[in-house]
Amino acid sequence: AISLRGTSCWGRHRLPQLSGFFSVVVASLVQATAVANPDVTLEVLLATKKLVRTFGPGMTEWGDTLQVLRIGYAQLKHFTQTLRAARSGGLGNSTVPLAQQNIEGIQSVLQEMLHTVHQVYCAGQYLGEEDELLSTLCALKTLLSPEVTTSVLQRQFECIHPSNYRWMEMVGFLIRRYYNSDRREGVRRRVIEVLQSFVLERYPFSGQRLPRCGDPARTACAPPRERPGAGPGRHP
């Protein structure tokens, strides 16, 4: 039924009579994603991927689409934990290969969708709320490539207005989200580089006041200290 809806509305053989129900069909996918069944989740994601690839640059139903991504990611984590519990308990051995295949399929489709959504955004063709998109990409950052993760992080830093009095709090939030919680060394290194460039460019005298969200991040943005005995007219 899910595949039929997608095919009828935005597939190759879509029906013009259903064009007025486009938003209703997209909203129904959100409800279907909440069903705790790997087969259903995979079908919903496949239908949504087709939607984004076909109408992504011009569609306005991004709110529901991003919600499908977030719920699909939550279901992926739930299915993965359930599979691990089944393996450790020796239960359902006959269904483990099938469950593993479904989980891998869900993860693969989510990664493809995130990549496509990011491309639409970078091309300036995204017509949804930017904050909602960036927060969704941030929440699903473990499925993003290091390049896309860096791009999203860079944009989130750029969204911090220089005159915002809460800028240190917002920077600290990004450090916790990307540096402290991401285990990929390449991503953590890029967080330091982006943070250093951002802070030293906008707030060159604020290095000592950075929030303690990670010693490496704080050290990278601190201004250089003079060595004892060094000063005007003195040689270290």
Protein backbone atom coordinates (compact mmCIF):
# COMPACT_ATOMS: atom_id res chain seq x y z
CA ALA A 1 0.00 0.00 0.00
CA ILE A 2 2.87 2.38 0.82
CA SER A 3 4.65 1.68 -2.45
CA LEU A 4 1.37 2.14 -4.35
CA ARG A 5 0.82 5.55 -2.79
CA GLY A 6 4.27 6.73 -3.76
CA THR A 7 4.00 5.36 -7.29
CA SER A 8 0.59 6.96 -7.79
CA CYS A 9 1.66 10.40 -6.54
CA TRP A 10 5.31 10.87 -7.55
CA GLY A 11 6.34 7.69 -9.33
CA ARG A 12 6.83 7.09 -13.02
CA HIS A 13 3.14 6.26 -13.48
CA ARG A 14 1.70 8.97 -11.22
CA LEU A 15 -1.94 9.92 -11.60
CA PRO A 16 -2.80 13.60 -12.26
CA GLN A 17 -6.03 13.14 -10.28
CA LEU A 18 -4.01 12.72 -7.08
CA SER A 19 -2.00 15.93 -7.44
CA GLY A 20 -4.33 17.71 -5.03
CA PHE A 21 -3.67 15.09 -2.33
CA PHE A 22 0.12 15.36 -2.46
CA SER A 23 0.50 16.84 1.02
CA VAL A 24 -1.95 14.35 2.52
CA VAL A 25 -0.01 11.40 1.14
CA VAL A 26 3.29 12.77 2.44
CA ALA A 27 1.77 13.28 5.89
CA SER A 28 0.48 9.70 5.88
CA LEU A 29 4.06 8.48 5.46
CA VAL A 30 4.93 10.05 8.80
CA GLN A 31 2.25 7.97 10.50
CA ALA A 32 3.41 4.82 8.73
CA THR A 33 7.02 5.39 9.82
CA ALA A 34 5.93 5.11 13.46
CA VAL A 35 4.99 1.44 12.94
CA ALA A 36 7.70 -0.61 14.65
CA ASN A 37 8.25 -2.99 11.75
CA PRO A 38 11.48 -3.04 9.69
CA ASP A 39 9.63 -3.93 6.47
CA VAL A 40 7.23 -1.01 6.86
CA THR A 41 10.00 1.42 7.78
CA LEU A 42 12.05 0.38 4.74
CA GLU A 43 9.07 0.79 2.40
CA VAL A 44 8.31 4.25 3.78
CA LEU A 45 11.92 5.36 3.38
CA LEU A 46 12.09 4.04 -0.18
CA ALA A 47 8.92 5.94 -1.08
CA THR A 48 10.24 9.11 0.58
CA LYS A 49 13.58 8.78 -1.20
CA LYS A 50 11.75 8.66 -4.51
CA LEU A 51 9.81 11.76 -3.49
CA VAL A 52 12.96 13.74 -2.64
CA ARG A 53 14.73 12.71 -5.84
CA THR A 54 11.74 13.59 -8.01
CA PHE A 55 10.39 16.78 -6.43
CA GLY A 56 13.01 17.80 -3.86
CA PRO A 57 14.15 21.05 -5.54
CA GLY A 58 10.63 22.46 -5.71
CA MET A 59 8.53 20.81 -3.05
CA THR A 60 7.27 22.47 0.13
CA GLU A 61 6.46 19.37 2.20
CA TRP A 62 9.87 19.38 3.87
CA GLY A 63 8.50 19.39 7.41
CA ASP A 64 6.92 15.95 7.05
CA THR A 65 9.85 14.68 4.98
CA LEU A 66 12.38 15.60 7.67
CA GLN A 67 10.13 14.03 10.28
CA VAL A 68 10.20 10.77 8.32
CA LEU A 69 14.00 10.94 8.45
CA ARG A 70 14.07 11.51 12.20
CA ILE A 71 11.57 8.78 12.98
CA GLY A 72 13.27 6.40 10.55
CA TYR A 73 16.58 7.00 12.33
CA ALA A 74 14.97 6.35 15.73
CA GLN A 75 13.49 3.12 14.36
CA LEU A 76 16.91 2.11 13.01
CA LYS A 77 18.43 2.42 16.47
CA HIS A 78 15.51 0.50 18.00
CA PHE A 79 15.77 -2.34 15.49
CA THR A 80 19.54 -2.53 15.98
CA GLN A 81 19.20 -2.79 19.75
CA THR A 82 16.48 -5.43 19.39
CA LEU A 83 18.66 -7.47 17.05
CA ARG A 84 21.60 -7.33 19.46
CA ALA A 85 19.37 -8.47 22.30
CA ALA A 86 18.10 -11.38 20.19
CA ARG A 87 21.63 -12.44 19.34
CA SER A 88 22.88 -12.25 22.90
CA GLY A 89 19.87 -14.20 24.16
CA GLY A 90 20.02 -16.81 21.42
CA LEU A 91 16.44 -16.06 20.36
CA GLY A 92 15.05 -15.93 16.85
CA ASN A 93 18.17 -17.28 15.15
CA SER A 94 16.22 -18.10 11.98
CA THR A 95 15.09 -14.49 11.56
CA VAL A 96 18.40 -12.80 12.43
CA PRO A 97 19.79 -12.80 8.84
CA LEU A 98 16.56 -11.31 7.50
CA ALA A 99 16.43 -8.70 10.28
CA GLN A 100 20.07 -7.78 9.64
CA GLN A 101 19.35 -7.34 5.94
CA ASN A 102 16.41 -5.04 6.68
CA ILE A 103 18.45 -2.96 9.10
CA GLU A 104 21.26 -2.56 6.59
CA GLY A 105 18.70 -1.55 3.97
CA ILE A 106 17.19 1.09 6.26
CA GLN A 107 20.60 2.53 7.05
CA SER A 108 21.59 2.61 3.39
CA VAL A 109 18.40 4.41 2.32
CA LEU A 110 18.75 6.94 5.14
CA GLN A 111 22.31 7.73 4.06
CA GLU A 112 21.24 8.17 0.43
CA MET A 113 18.38 10.46 1.43
CA LEU A 114 20.56 12.60 3.67
CA HIS A 115 23.08 13.00 0.87
CA THR A 116 20.34 14.01 -1.59
CA VAL A 117 18.76 16.46 0.87
CA HIS A 118 22.14 18.06 1.50
CA GLN A 119 22.71 18.44 -2.24
CA VAL A 120 19.33 20.15 -2.65
CA TYR A 121 20.20 22.49 0.24
CA CYS A 122 23.66 23.37 -1.11
CA ALA A 123 22.15 24.08 -4.54
CA GLY A 124 19.87 26.70 -2.99
CA GLN A 125 16.76 24.73 -3.92
CA TYR A 126 15.62 23.83 -0.41
CA LEU A 127 12.30 25.56 0.38
CA GLY A 128 11.83 24.44 3.97
CA GLU A 129 12.92 25.82 7.34
CA GLU A 130 16.73 26.00 7.50
CA ASP A 131 16.90 25.55 11.29
CA GLU A 132 14.81 22.39 11.09
CA LEU A 133 16.99 20.97 8.34
CA LEU A 134 20.26 21.72 10.14
CA SER A 135 18.99 20.26 13.41
CA THR A 136 17.85 17.12 11.57
CA LEU A 137 21.21 16.69 9.84
CA CYS A 138 22.94 17.25 13.16
CA ALA A 139 20.78 14.63 14.90
CA LEU A 140 21.59 12.10 12.15
CA LYS A 141 25.26 13.08 11.85
CA THR A 142 26.49 9.51 12.46
CA LEU A 143 25.06 8.62 9.03
CA LEU A 144 26.66 11.59 7.27
CA SER A 145 29.99 11.49 5.50
CA PRO A 146 32.79 13.53 7.12
CA GLU A 147 32.56 16.06 4.27
CA VAL A 148 28.82 16.62 4.73
CA THR A 149 29.22 16.72 8.51
CA THR A 150 31.85 19.44 8.18
CA SER A 151 29.64 21.40 5.78
CA VAL A 152 26.69 21.28 8.21
CA LEU A 153 28.90 22.27 11.14
CA GLN A 154 30.35 25.19 9.18
CA ARG A 155 26.88 26.44 8.32
CA GLN A 156 25.71 26.17 11.94
CA PHE A 157 28.67 28.26 13.07
CA GLU A 158 27.86 30.83 10.37
CA CYS A 159 24.28 31.08 11.69
CA ILE A 160 25.57 32.41 15.03
CA HIS A 161 25.19 36.18 14.80
CA PRO A 162 28.24 38.16 15.98
CA SER A 163 26.12 40.34 18.26
CA ASN A 164 24.25 37.47 19.93
CA TYR A 165 25.06 37.63 23.64
CA ARG A 166 24.55 33.84 23.89
CA TRP A 167 27.21 33.06 21.31
CA MET A 168 29.45 31.19 23.78
CA GLU A 169 26.54 29.01 24.87
CA MET A 170 25.72 28.24 21.24
CA VAL A 171 29.35 27.44 20.45
CA GLY A 172 29.48 25.14 23.47
CA PHE A 173 26.38 23.32 22.26
CA LEU A 174 27.98 22.68 18.87
CA ILE A 175 31.19 21.43 20.47
CA ARG A 176 29.26 18.96 22.60
CA ARG A 177 27.21 17.84 19.63
CA TYR A 178 30.10 17.33 17.23
CA TYR A 179 33.37 17.01 19.15
CA ASN A 180 32.42 15.32 22.41
CA SER A 181 29.88 12.88 20.95
CA ASP A 182 31.50 11.95 17.61
CA ARG A 183 34.15 9.23 17.66
CA ARG A 184 35.44 9.82 14.13
CA GLU A 185 38.89 11.34 14.44
CA GLY A 186 38.63 13.17 11.11
CA VAL A 187 35.36 14.85 12.15
CA ARG A 188 36.75 15.83 15.56
CA ARG A 189 39.80 17.37 13.88
CA ARG A 190 37.60 19.37 11.53
CA VAL A 191 35.52 20.60 14.50
CA ILE A 192 38.68 22.06 16.01
CA GLU A 193 39.68 23.70 12.73
CA VAL A 194 36.23 25.22 12.10
CA LEU A 195 35.90 26.36 15.71
CA GLN A 196 39.34 27.95 15.71
CA SER A 197 38.68 29.82 12.47
CA PHE A 198 35.25 30.98 13.66
CA VAL A 199 36.28 32.23 17.09
CA LEU A 200 39.57 33.88 16.11
CA GLU A 201 37.90 35.66 13.19
CA ARG A 202 34.86 36.98 15.03
CA TYR A 203 36.00 37.12 18.66
CA PRO A 204 39.81 37.37 18.66
CA PHE A 205 40.00 38.36 22.36
CA SER A 206 37.56 35.76 23.71
CA GLY A 207 39.71 32.63 23.68
CA GLN A 208 40.13 32.63 27.46
CA ARG A 209 36.36 32.84 28.01
CA LEU A 210 35.39 29.82 25.91
CA PRO A 211 33.04 27.35 27.64
CA ARG A 212 34.71 24.23 29.01
CA CYS A 213 33.19 21.80 26.54
CA GLY A 214 36.41 20.01 25.70
CA ASP A 215 40.01 20.89 26.56
CA PRO A 216 41.36 20.35 22.99
CA ALA A 217 38.73 22.71 21.59
CA ARG A 218 39.43 25.31 24.24
CA THR A 219 43.20 25.07 23.79
CA ALA A 220 42.95 25.40 20.01
CA CYS A 221 41.14 28.73 20.27
CA ALA A 222 43.12 30.24 23.12
CA PRO A 223 45.42 33.12 22.15
CA PRO A 224 49.16 32.41 22.42
CA ARG A 225 50.69 33.06 25.83
CA GLU A 226 53.92 34.93 26.39
CA ARG A 227 56.66 32.91 28.01
CA PRO A 228 57.96 34.08 31.41
CA GLY A 229 60.69 36.65 31.06
CA ALA A 230 59.74 37.53 27.50
CA GLY A 231 58.77 41.13 26.89
CA PRO A 232 59.87 44.43 25.41
CA GLY A 233 63.61 44.72 25.48
CA ARG A 234 64.08 41.18 26.81
CA HIS A 235 65.25 38.02 25.17
CA PRO A 236 63.66 34.70 26.23
